[in-house]
Amino acid sequence: MPGHPGMYRGDRRRREDQRKAKQEAKRARKAERRETGAAGPEIAELPGPDSGEPIEFVWFSPSKGRTVTTPSAAAPTVDGIDDWTLVSGPPAGG
């Protein structure tokens, strides 16, 4: 429409204002949290179960001379092998 050159620009400016308002609100929440000392999810970065450190238990079967790695402390279930010995577990927390 040649008769309304400013229509799109106004629409865009309104969107821009909404975006700024959202960012302001986010910033205000962060500042508030900092003052009260309550840790939000983006601040508390304690390594949890998914900290990237693989948890592996290495099992060895003397009778078969086999080594198996499992993600849990439960001995692997392999037919015919029941003499699993845990040779190494996950590194102790450090």
Protein backbone atom coordinates (compact mmCIF):
# COMPACT_ATOMS: atom_id res chain seq x y z
CA MET A 1 0.00 0.00 0.00
CA PRO A 2 1.68 3.17 -1.10
CA GLY A 3 -0.48 5.35 1.17
CA HIS A 4 0.84 3.99 4.50
CA PRO A 5 4.61 4.20 4.68
CA GLY A 6 4.78 4.33 8.48
CA MET A 7 2.59 1.37 9.33
CA TYR A 8 5.25 -1.35 9.30
CA ARG A 9 7.78 0.80 11.07
CA GLY A 10 5.37 1.51 13.93
CA ASP A 11 4.60 -2.16 14.27
CA ARG A 12 8.26 -2.95 14.47
CA ARG A 13 8.89 -0.29 17.07
CA ARG A 14 6.10 -1.71 19.24
CA ARG A 15 7.65 -5.16 19.02
CA GLU A 16 11.03 -3.69 19.92
CA ASP A 17 9.49 -2.01 22.99
CA GLN A 18 7.99 -5.32 24.13
CA ARG A 19 11.34 -7.02 23.75
CA LYS A 20 13.05 -4.29 25.79
CA ALA A 21 10.40 -4.54 28.48
CA LYS A 22 10.96 -8.29 28.72
CA GLN A 23 14.71 -7.84 29.04
CA GLU A 24 14.18 -5.17 31.70
CA ALA A 25 11.98 -7.52 33.70
CA LYS A 26 14.57 -10.27 33.43
CA ARG A 27 17.34 -7.93 34.54
CA ALA A 28 15.24 -6.71 37.47
CA ARG A 29 14.59 -10.29 38.58
CA LYS A 30 18.29 -11.09 38.46
CA ALA A 31 19.21 -7.99 40.46
CA GLU A 32 16.54 -8.81 43.02
CA ARG A 33 17.86 -12.34 43.36
CA ARG A 34 21.40 -11.05 43.79
CA GLU A 35 20.30 -8.75 46.61
CA THR A 36 18.33 -11.39 48.50
CA GLY A 37 21.11 -13.93 48.03
CA ALA A 38 18.78 -16.65 46.78
CA ALA A 39 20.48 -18.73 44.15
CA GLY A 40 18.58 -19.30 40.95
CA PRO A 41 19.23 -22.11 38.51
CA GLU A 42 21.67 -20.01 36.48
CA ILE A 43 23.78 -19.23 39.57
CA ALA A 44 23.90 -22.56 41.40
CA GLU A 45 26.24 -24.58 39.24
CA LEU A 46 26.95 -27.52 41.48
CA PRO A 47 27.95 -30.63 39.60
CA GLY A 48 24.95 -32.93 39.69
CA PRO A 49 24.46 -36.45 38.41
CA ASP A 50 24.84 -35.13 34.85
CA SER A 51 28.04 -33.18 35.49
CA GLY A 52 29.69 -34.71 32.45
CA GLU A 53 31.86 -37.06 34.49
CA PRO A 54 31.09 -40.56 33.25
CA ILE A 55 30.26 -42.93 36.08
CA GLU A 56 31.72 -46.29 35.20
CA PHE A 57 32.20 -49.50 37.11
CA VAL A 58 34.70 -51.94 35.64
CA TRP A 59 34.09 -55.60 36.34
CA PHE A 60 36.46 -58.50 35.73
CA SER A 61 35.65 -62.20 35.42
CA PRO A 62 38.67 -64.31 36.38
CA SER A 63 37.13 -67.49 34.94
CA LYS A 64 36.55 -65.99 31.49
CA GLY A 65 39.28 -63.35 31.54
CA ARG A 66 36.67 -60.78 30.54
CA THR A 67 36.28 -57.17 31.51
CA VAL A 68 32.91 -55.40 31.35
CA THR A 69 32.11 -51.75 32.04
CA THR A 70 28.70 -50.89 33.52
CA PRO A 71 27.08 -47.54 34.36
CA SER A 72 25.82 -48.80 37.73
CA ALA A 73 27.15 -50.60 40.79
CA ALA A 74 25.17 -53.73 39.92
CA ALA A 75 27.27 -56.59 38.61
CA PRO A 76 26.71 -57.28 34.91
CA THR A 77 24.39 -60.15 34.07
CA VAL A 78 26.07 -62.36 31.52
CA ASP A 79 24.97 -65.95 31.01
CA GLY A 80 27.40 -68.41 32.50
CA ILE A 81 29.51 -65.84 34.33
CA ASP A 82 28.85 -65.26 38.02
CA ASP A 83 32.31 -64.48 39.36
CA TRP A 84 32.42 -60.75 38.51
CA THR A 85 34.92 -58.79 40.58
CA LEU A 86 34.70 -55.01 40.72
CA VAL A 87 38.12 -53.70 39.69
CA SER A 88 37.33 -50.00 39.55
CA GLY A 89 34.48 -47.63 40.23
CA PRO A 90 33.84 -43.96 39.54
CA PRO A 91 36.44 -41.52 40.90
CA ALA A 92 35.66 -40.42 44.44
CA GLY A 93 34.12 -36.95 44.54
CA GLY A 94 36.78 -34.29 44.44
